[in-house]
Amino acid sequence: DNLLTATYLSARCPVFMAPAMDLDMYAHPAVQSNFAKLRSYGNILIEAGYGELASGLEGQGRLAEPEEIMAVLHKHFAGHAFA
């Protein structure tokens, strides 16, 4: 057990994930399968962006821009009343 896993497994709220990794890792079938499994559990994955990666390569896998992440959050929570 670790704090992240324990928190995730006990969460009763929307869980958002914004993955970032090298393009070959991102495109790997095992990773794509895991993304599909996470979505099937109700998690919300914010798609990785396309562009220059830390490895110097260019492609899919870049962390979504903060504005994109915030747009997903705003869209999801629009109309929700918070106490």
PDB file of N, CA and C in Angstrom:
ATOM      1  N   ASP A   1       0.823  -1.193   0.000  1.00  0.00           N
ATOM      2  CA  ASP A   1       0.000   0.000   0.000  1.00  0.00           C
ATOM      3  C   ASP A   1       0.867   1.256   0.000  1.00  0.00           C
ATOM      4  N   ASN A   2       0.355   2.283  -0.612  1.00  0.00           N
ATOM      5  CA  ASN A   2       0.973   3.601  -0.541  1.00  0.00           C
ATOM      6  C   ASN A   2      -0.144   4.637  -0.537  1.00  0.00           C
ATOM      7  N   LEU A   3       0.202   5.847  -0.209  1.00  0.00           N
ATOM      8  CA  LEU A   3      -0.801   6.901  -0.050  1.00  0.00           C
ATOM      9  C   LEU A   3      -1.607   7.127  -1.329  1.00  0.00           C
ATOM     10  N   LEU A   4      -0.936   7.172  -2.460  1.00  0.00           N
ATOM     11  CA  LEU A   4      -1.641   7.428  -3.716  1.00  0.00           C
ATOM     12  C   LEU A   4      -2.642   6.314  -4.027  1.00  0.00           C
ATOM     13  N   THR A   5      -2.210   5.075  -3.925  1.00  0.00           N
ATOM     14  CA  THR A   5      -3.099   3.951  -4.212  1.00  0.00           C
ATOM     15  C   THR A   5      -4.263   3.898  -3.232  1.00  0.00           C
ATOM     16  N   ALA A   6      -3.968   4.081  -1.956  1.00  0.00           N
ATOM     17  CA  ALA A   6      -5.026   4.044  -0.940  1.00  0.00           C
ATOM     18  C   ALA A   6      -6.052   5.150  -1.180  1.00  0.00           C
ATOM     19  N   THR A   7      -5.585   6.331  -1.533  1.00  0.00           N
ATOM     20  CA  THR A   7      -6.490   7.451  -1.792  1.00  0.00           C
ATOM     21  C   THR A   7      -7.346   7.171  -3.026  1.00  0.00           C
ATOM     22  N   TYR A   8      -6.717   6.704  -4.091  1.00  0.00           N
ATOM     23  CA  TYR A   8      -7.454   6.409  -5.325  1.00  0.00           C
ATOM     24  C   TYR A   8      -8.519   5.339  -5.102  1.00  0.00           C
ATOM     25  N   LEU A   9      -8.138   4.253  -4.458  1.00  0.00           N
ATOM     26  CA  LEU A   9      -9.066   3.132  -4.288  1.00  0.00           C
ATOM     27  C   LEU A   9     -10.230   3.447  -3.360  1.00  0.00           C
ATOM     28  N   SER A  10     -10.076   4.454  -2.511  1.00  0.00           N
ATOM     29  CA  SER A  10     -11.168   4.808  -1.602  1.00  0.00           C
ATOM     30  C   SER A  10     -11.941   6.048  -2.064  1.00  0.00           C
ATOM     31  N   ALA A  11     -11.556   6.622  -3.203  1.00  0.00           N
ATOM     32  CA  ALA A  11     -12.198   7.848  -3.697  1.00  0.00           C
ATOM     33  C   ALA A  11     -13.643   7.594  -4.098  1.00  0.00           C
ATOM     34  N   ARG A  12     -14.516   8.506  -3.687  1.00  0.00           N
ATOM     35  CA  ARG A  12     -15.932   8.471  -4.079  1.00  0.00           C
ATOM     36  C   ARG A  12     -16.271   9.751  -4.835  1.00  0.00           C
ATOM     37  N   CYS A  13     -15.331  10.178  -5.620  1.00  0.00           N
ATOM     38  CA  CYS A  13     -15.483  11.413  -6.374  1.00  0.00           C
ATOM     39  C   CYS A  13     -14.873  11.193  -7.761  1.00  0.00           C
ATOM     40  N   PRO A  14     -15.112  12.119  -8.672  1.00  0.00           N
ATOM     41  CA  PRO A  14     -14.485  11.984  -9.982  1.00  0.00           C
ATOM     42  C   PRO A  14     -12.961  11.996  -9.846  1.00  0.00           C
ATOM     43  N   VAL A  15     -12.312  11.125 -10.588  1.00  0.00           N
ATOM     44  CA  VAL A  15     -10.852  11.086 -10.599  1.00  0.00           C
ATOM     45  C   VAL A  15     -10.408  11.466 -12.005  1.00  0.00           C
ATOM     46  N   PHE A  16      -9.619  12.522 -12.088  1.00  0.00           N
ATOM     47  CA  PHE A  16      -9.102  13.015 -13.357  1.00  0.00           C
ATOM     48  C   PHE A  16      -7.634  12.631 -13.454  1.00  0.00           C
ATOM     49  N   MET A  17      -7.209  12.242 -14.641  1.00  0.00           N
ATOM     50  CA  MET A  17      -5.815  11.889 -14.870  1.00  0.00           C
ATOM     51  C   MET A  17      -5.352  12.575 -16.137  1.00  0.00           C
ATOM     52  N   ALA A  18      -4.147  13.127 -16.077  1.00  0.00           N
ATOM     53  CA  ALA A  18      -3.552  13.769 -17.243  1.00  0.00           C
ATOM     54  C   ALA A  18      -2.191  13.116 -17.474  1.00  0.00           C
ATOM     55  N   PRO A  19      -2.175  12.006 -18.218  1.00  0.00           N
ATOM     56  CA  PRO A  19      -0.923  11.280 -18.400  1.00  0.00           C
ATOM     57  C   PRO A  19       0.050  12.020 -19.309  1.00  0.00           C
ATOM     58  N   ALA A  20       1.322  11.760 -19.072  1.00  0.00           N
ATOM     59  CA  ALA A  20       2.386  12.299 -19.912  1.00  0.00           C
ATOM     60  C   ALA A  20       3.502  11.268 -19.949  1.00  0.00           C
ATOM     61  N   MET A  21       3.987  10.980 -21.150  1.00  0.00           N
ATOM     62  CA  MET A  21       5.066  10.005 -21.303  1.00  0.00           C
ATOM     63  C   MET A  21       5.619  10.106 -22.714  1.00  0.00           C
ATOM     64  N   ASP A  22       6.684   9.371 -22.974  1.00  0.00           N
ATOM     65  CA  ASP A  22       7.286   9.375 -24.296  1.00  0.00           C
ATOM     66  C   ASP A  22       6.318   8.773 -25.311  1.00  0.00           C
ATOM     67  N   LEU A  23       6.458   9.151 -26.566  1.00  0.00           N
ATOM     68  CA  LEU A  23       5.495   8.750 -27.584  1.00  0.00           C
ATOM     69  C   LEU A  23       5.409   7.244 -27.773  1.00  0.00           C
ATOM     70  N   ASP A  24       6.519   6.518 -27.677  1.00  0.00           N
ATOM     71  CA  ASP A  24       6.462   5.064 -27.830  1.00  0.00           C
ATOM     72  C   ASP A  24       5.735   4.417 -26.661  1.00  0.00           C
ATOM     73  N   MET A  25       5.939   4.941 -25.475  1.00  0.00           N
ATOM     74  CA  MET A  25       5.224   4.429 -24.308  1.00  0.00           C
ATOM     75  C   MET A  25       3.732   4.723 -24.459  1.00  0.00           C
ATOM     76  N   TYR A  26       3.404   5.941 -24.848  1.00  0.00           N
ATOM     77  CA  TYR A  26       2.006   6.357 -24.985  1.00  0.00           C
ATOM     78  C   TYR A  26       1.269   5.495 -26.007  1.00  0.00           C
ATOM     79  N   ALA A  27       1.942   5.146 -27.088  1.00  0.00           N
ATOM     80  CA  ALA A  27       1.311   4.377 -28.160  1.00  0.00           C
ATOM     81  C   ALA A  27       1.274   2.876 -27.881  1.00  0.00           C
ATOM     82  N   HIS A  28       1.986   2.414 -26.869  1.00  0.00           N
ATOM     83  CA  HIS A  28       2.059   0.972 -26.604  1.00  0.00           C
ATOM     84  C   HIS A  28       0.667   0.413 -26.303  1.00  0.00           C
ATOM     85  N   PRO A  29       0.335  -0.743 -26.870  1.00  0.00           N
ATOM     86  CA  PRO A  29      -0.988  -1.337 -26.641  1.00  0.00           C
ATOM     87  C   PRO A  29      -1.320  -1.564 -25.164  1.00  0.00           C
ATOM     88  N   ALA A  30      -0.340  -1.907 -24.349  1.00  0.00           N
ATOM     89  CA  ALA A  30      -0.610  -2.128 -22.921  1.00  0.00           C
ATOM     90  C   ALA A  30      -1.049  -0.833 -22.251  1.00  0.00           C
ATOM     91  N   VAL A  31      -0.422   0.268 -22.612  1.00  0.00           N
ATOM     92  CA  VAL A  31      -0.788   1.566 -22.034  1.00  0.00           C
ATOM     93  C   VAL A  31      -2.182   1.960 -22.508  1.00  0.00           C
ATOM     94  N   GLN A  32      -2.451   1.813 -23.793  1.00  0.00           N
ATOM     95  CA  GLN A  32      -3.771   2.155 -24.321  1.00  0.00           C
ATOM     96  C   GLN A  32      -4.855   1.277 -23.698  1.00  0.00           C
ATOM     97  N   SER A  33      -4.538   0.007 -23.472  1.00  0.00           N
ATOM     98  CA  SER A  33      -5.477  -0.897 -22.802  1.00  0.00           C
ATOM     99  C   SER A  33      -5.742  -0.450 -21.370  1.00  0.00           C
ATOM    100  N   ASN A  34      -4.691  -0.024 -20.685  1.00  0.00           N
ATOM    101  CA  ASN A  34      -4.862   0.469 -19.310  1.00  0.00           C
ATOM    102  C   ASN A  34      -5.681   1.752 -19.280  1.00  0.00           C
ATOM    103  N   PHE A  35      -5.492   2.629 -20.271  1.00  0.00           N
ATOM    104  CA  PHE A  35      -6.316   3.835 -20.353  1.00  0.00           C
ATOM    105  C   PHE A  35      -7.787   3.450 -20.497  1.00  0.00           C
ATOM    106  N   ALA A  36      -8.064   2.489 -21.366  1.00  0.00           N
ATOM    107  CA  ALA A  36      -9.448   2.040 -21.573  1.00  0.00           C
ATOM    108  C   ALA A  36     -10.021   1.454 -20.288  1.00  0.00           C
ATOM    109  N   LYS A  37      -9.217   0.705 -19.573  1.00  0.00           N
ATOM    110  CA  LYS A  37      -9.683   0.109 -18.315  1.00  0.00           C
ATOM    111  C   LYS A  37      -9.980   1.203 -17.292  1.00  0.00           C
ATOM    112  N   LEU A  38      -9.104   2.196 -17.197  1.00  0.00           N
ATOM    113  CA  LEU A  38      -9.335   3.298 -16.259  1.00  0.00           C
ATOM    114  C   LEU A  38     -10.620   4.046 -16.612  1.00  0.00           C
ATOM    115  N   ARG A  39     -10.844   4.279 -17.909  1.00  0.00           N
ATOM    116  CA  ARG A  39     -12.090   4.943 -18.334  1.00  0.00           C
ATOM    117  C   ARG A  39     -13.304   4.099 -17.972  1.00  0.00           C
ATOM    118  N   SER A  40     -13.184   2.777 -18.112  1.00  0.00           N
ATOM    119  CA  SER A  40     -14.318   1.900 -17.806  1.00  0.00           C
ATOM    120  C   SER A  40     -14.682   1.946 -16.330  1.00  0.00           C
ATOM    121  N   TYR A  41     -13.742   2.343 -15.487  1.00  0.00           N
ATOM    122  CA  TYR A  41     -14.003   2.495 -14.052  1.00  0.00           C
ATOM    123  C   TYR A  41     -14.601   3.859 -13.726  1.00  0.00           C
ATOM    124  N   GLY A  42     -14.764   4.710 -14.745  1.00  0.00           N
ATOM    125  CA  GLY A  42     -15.346   6.024 -14.534  1.00  0.00           C
ATOM    126  C   GLY A  42     -14.334   7.147 -14.382  1.00  0.00           C
ATOM    127  N   ASN A  43     -13.058   6.831 -14.518  1.00  0.00           N
ATOM    128  CA  ASN A  43     -12.035   7.870 -14.448  1.00  0.00           C
ATOM    129  C   ASN A  43     -12.097   8.736 -15.698  1.00  0.00           C
ATOM    130  N   ILE A  44     -11.651   9.953 -15.574  1.00  0.00           N
ATOM    131  CA  ILE A  44     -11.649  10.879 -16.691  1.00  0.00           C
ATOM    132  C   ILE A  44     -10.202  11.148 -17.063  1.00  0.00           C
ATOM    133  N   LEU A  45      -9.822  10.679 -18.260  1.00  0.00           N
ATOM    134  CA  LEU A  45      -8.464  10.885 -18.736  1.00  0.00           C
ATOM    135  C   LEU A  45      -8.432  12.088 -19.663  1.00  0.00           C
ATOM    136  N   ILE A  46      -7.541  13.000 -19.375  1.00  0.00           N
ATOM    137  CA  ILE A  46      -7.345  14.180 -20.209  1.00  0.00           C
ATOM    138  C   ILE A  46      -6.242  13.813 -21.194  1.00  0.00           C
ATOM    139  N   GLU A  47      -6.569  13.819 -22.464  1.00  0.00           N
ATOM    140  CA  GLU A  47      -5.642  13.340 -23.483  1.00  0.00           C
ATOM    141  C   GLU A  47      -4.323  14.104 -23.468  1.00  0.00           C
ATOM    142  N   ALA A  48      -3.261  13.358 -23.694  1.00  0.00           N
ATOM    143  CA  ALA A  48      -1.937  13.965 -23.805  1.00  0.00           C
ATOM    144  C   ALA A  48      -1.878  14.785 -25.084  1.00  0.00           C
ATOM    145  N   GLY A  49      -1.060  15.807 -25.053  1.00  0.00           N
ATOM    146  CA  GLY A  49      -0.912  16.664 -26.209  1.00  0.00           C
ATOM    147  C   GLY A  49       0.145  16.168 -27.171  1.00  0.00           C
ATOM    148  N   TYR A  50       0.225  16.823 -28.299  1.00  0.00           N
ATOM    149  CA  TYR A  50       1.211  16.516 -29.325  1.00  0.00           C
ATOM    150  C   TYR A  50       2.232  17.638 -29.321  1.00  0.00           C
ATOM    151  N   GLY A  51       3.501  17.281 -29.361  1.00  0.00           N
ATOM    152  CA  GLY A  51       4.537  18.301 -29.415  1.00  0.00           C
ATOM    153  C   GLY A  51       5.873  17.743 -29.005  1.00  0.00           C
ATOM    154  N   GLU A  52       6.795  18.636 -28.696  1.00  0.00           N
ATOM    155  CA  GLU A  52       8.137  18.225 -28.294  1.00  0.00           C
ATOM    156  C   GLU A  52       8.079  17.590 -26.908  1.00  0.00           C
ATOM    157  N   LEU A  53       8.731  16.435 -26.788  1.00  0.00           N
ATOM    158  CA  LEU A  53       8.749  15.685 -25.539  1.00  0.00           C
ATOM    159  C   LEU A  53      10.103  15.846 -24.859  1.00  0.00           C
ATOM    160  N   ALA A  54      10.190  15.434 -23.610  1.00  0.00           N
ATOM    161  CA  ALA A  54      11.432  15.562 -22.844  1.00  0.00           C
ATOM    162  C   ALA A  54      12.585  14.822 -23.515  1.00  0.00           C
ATOM    163  N   SER A  55      12.282  13.771 -24.264  1.00  0.00           N
ATOM    164  CA  SER A  55      13.313  12.978 -24.941  1.00  0.00           C
ATOM    165  C   SER A  55      13.899  13.702 -26.145  1.00  0.00           C
ATOM    166  N   GLY A  56      13.267  14.795 -26.549  1.00  0.00           N
ATOM    167  CA  GLY A  56      13.694  15.506 -27.739  1.00  0.00           C
ATOM    168  C   GLY A  56      12.903  15.100 -28.968  1.00  0.00           C
ATOM    169  N   LEU A  57      12.151  14.015 -28.864  1.00  0.00           N
ATOM    170  CA  LEU A  57      11.298  13.579 -29.966  1.00  0.00           C
ATOM    171  C   LEU A  57      10.040  14.441 -30.007  1.00  0.00           C
ATOM    172  N   GLU A  58       9.326  14.336 -31.103  1.00  0.00           N
ATOM    173  CA  GLU A  58       8.060  15.054 -31.227  1.00  0.00           C
ATOM    174  C   GLU A  58       6.955  14.047 -31.474  1.00  0.00           C
ATOM    175  N   GLY A  59       5.860  14.193 -30.740  1.00  0.00           N
ATOM    176  CA  GLY A  59       4.744  13.284 -30.927  1.00  0.00           C
ATOM    177  C   GLY A  59       3.753  13.360 -29.791  1.00  0.00           C
ATOM    178  N   GLN A  60       2.834  12.410 -29.774  1.00  0.00           N
ATOM    179  CA  GLN A  60       1.795  12.326 -28.741  1.00  0.00           C
ATOM    180  C   GLN A  60       2.414  11.853 -27.431  1.00  0.00           C
ATOM    181  N   GLY A  61       2.020  12.468 -26.341  1.00  0.00           N
ATOM    182  CA  GLY A  61       2.496  12.054 -25.027  1.00  0.00           C
ATOM    183  C   GLY A  61       2.798  13.220 -24.108  1.00  0.00           C
ATOM    184  N   ARG A  62       2.789  14.400 -24.652  1.00  0.00           N
ATOM    185  CA  ARG A  62       3.079  15.603 -23.872  1.00  0.00           C
ATOM    186  C   ARG A  62       1.921  15.902 -22.910  1.00  0.00           C
ATOM    187  N   LEU A  63       2.256  16.328 -21.705  1.00  0.00           N
ATOM    188  CA  LEU A  63       1.228  16.704 -20.743  1.00  0.00           C
ATOM    189  C   LEU A  63       0.329  17.772 -21.354  1.00  0.00           C
ATOM    190  N   ALA A  64      -0.967  17.604 -21.193  1.00  0.00           N
ATOM    191  CA  ALA A  64      -1.911  18.608 -21.690  1.00  0.00           C
ATOM    192  C   ALA A  64      -1.572  19.963 -21.072  1.00  0.00           C
ATOM    193  N   GLU A  65      -1.800  21.003 -21.820  1.00  0.00           N
ATOM    194  CA  GLU A  65      -1.534  22.352 -21.322  1.00  0.00           C
ATOM    195  C   GLU A  65      -2.464  22.653 -20.149  1.00  0.00           C
ATOM    196  N   PRO A  66      -1.998  23.454 -19.188  1.00  0.00           N
ATOM    197  CA  PRO A  66      -2.834  23.777 -18.027  1.00  0.00           C
ATOM    198  C   PRO A  66      -4.212  24.314 -18.416  1.00  0.00           C
ATOM    199  N   GLU A  67      -4.275  25.110 -19.479  1.00  0.00           N
ATOM    200  CA  GLU A  67      -5.560  25.658 -19.919  1.00  0.00           C
ATOM    201  C   GLU A  67      -6.507  24.539 -20.383  1.00  0.00           C
ATOM    202  N   GLU A  68      -5.946  23.517 -21.036  1.00  0.00           N
ATOM    203  CA  GLU A  68      -6.768  22.388 -21.482  1.00  0.00           C
ATOM    204  C   GLU A  68      -7.286  21.596 -20.286  1.00  0.00           C
ATOM    205  N   ILE A  69      -6.425  21.382 -19.311  1.00  0.00           N
ATOM    206  CA  ILE A  69      -6.822  20.651 -18.107  1.00  0.00           C
ATOM    207  C   ILE A  69      -7.929  21.417 -17.388  1.00  0.00           C
ATOM    208  N   MET A  70      -7.749  22.716 -17.239  1.00  0.00           N
ATOM    209  CA  MET A  70      -8.762  23.530 -16.561  1.00  0.00           C
ATOM    210  C   MET A  70     -10.075  23.536 -17.337  1.00  0.00           C
ATOM    211  N   ALA A  71     -10.012  23.550 -18.662  1.00  0.00           N
ATOM    212  CA  ALA A  71     -11.235  23.532 -19.467  1.00  0.00           C
ATOM    213  C   ALA A  71     -12.023  22.246 -19.227  1.00  0.00           C
ATOM    214  N   VAL A  72     -11.329  21.115 -19.127  1.00  0.00           N
ATOM    215  CA  VAL A  72     -12.003  19.839 -18.845  1.00  0.00           C
ATOM    216  C   VAL A  72     -12.655  19.890 -17.469  1.00  0.00           C
ATOM    217  N   LEU A  73     -11.933  20.415 -16.486  1.00  0.00           N
ATOM    218  CA  LEU A  73     -12.475  20.509 -15.129  1.00  0.00           C
ATOM    219  C   LEU A  73     -13.687  21.440 -15.079  1.00  0.00           C
ATOM    220  N   HIS A  74     -13.577  22.607 -15.711  1.00  0.00           N
ATOM    221  CA  HIS A  74     -14.700  23.556 -15.729  1.00  0.00           C
ATOM    222  C   HIS A  74     -15.925  22.940 -16.395  1.00  0.00           C
ATOM    223  N   LYS A  75     -15.711  22.262 -17.527  1.00  0.00           N
ATOM    224  CA  LYS A  75     -16.834  21.638 -18.237  1.00  0.00           C
ATOM    225  C   LYS A  75     -17.494  20.568 -17.370  1.00  0.00           C
ATOM    226  N   HIS A  76     -16.682  19.770 -16.691  1.00  0.00           N
ATOM    227  CA  HIS A  76     -17.225  18.693 -15.864  1.00  0.00           C
ATOM    228  C   HIS A  76     -18.032  19.237 -14.686  1.00  0.00           C
ATOM    229  N   PHE A  77     -17.502  20.268 -14.038  1.00  0.00           N
ATOM    230  CA  PHE A  77     -18.130  20.759 -12.814  1.00  0.00           C
ATOM    231  C   PHE A  77     -19.118  21.905 -13.037  1.00  0.00           C
ATOM    232  N   ALA A  78     -19.314  22.324 -14.273  1.00  0.00           N
ATOM    233  CA  ALA A  78     -20.266  23.407 -14.554  1.00  0.00           C
ATOM    234  C   ALA A  78     -21.652  23.013 -14.063  1.00  0.00           C
ATOM    235  N   GLY A  79     -22.257  23.897 -13.315  1.00  0.00           N
ATOM    236  CA  GLY A  79     -23.599  23.650 -12.821  1.00  0.00           C
ATOM    237  C   GLY A  79     -23.661  22.879 -11.518  1.00  0.00           C
ATOM    238  N   HIS A  80     -22.519  22.410 -11.037  1.00  0.00           N
ATOM    239  CA  HIS A  80     -22.509  21.711  -9.744  1.00  0.00           C
ATOM    240  C   HIS A  80     -22.507  22.736  -8.613  1.00  0.00           C
ATOM    241  N   ALA A  81     -23.293  22.495  -7.610  1.00  0.00           N
ATOM    242  CA  ALA A  81     -23.312  23.366  -6.430  1.00  0.00           C
ATOM    243  C   ALA A  81     -22.343  22.803  -5.402  1.00  0.00           C
ATOM    244  N   PHE A  82     -21.482  23.650  -4.907  1.00  0.00           N
ATOM    245  CA  PHE A  82     -20.514  23.239  -3.894  1.00  0.00           C
ATOM    246  C   PHE A  82     -20.794  23.988  -2.606  1.00  0.00           C
ATOM    247  N   ALA A  83     -20.755  23.277  -1.520  1.00  0.00           N
ATOM    248  CA  ALA A  83     -21.018  23.892  -0.209  1.00  0.00           C
ATOM    249  C   ALA A  83     -19.781  24.577   0.306  1.00  0.00           C
TER     250      ALA A  83
END
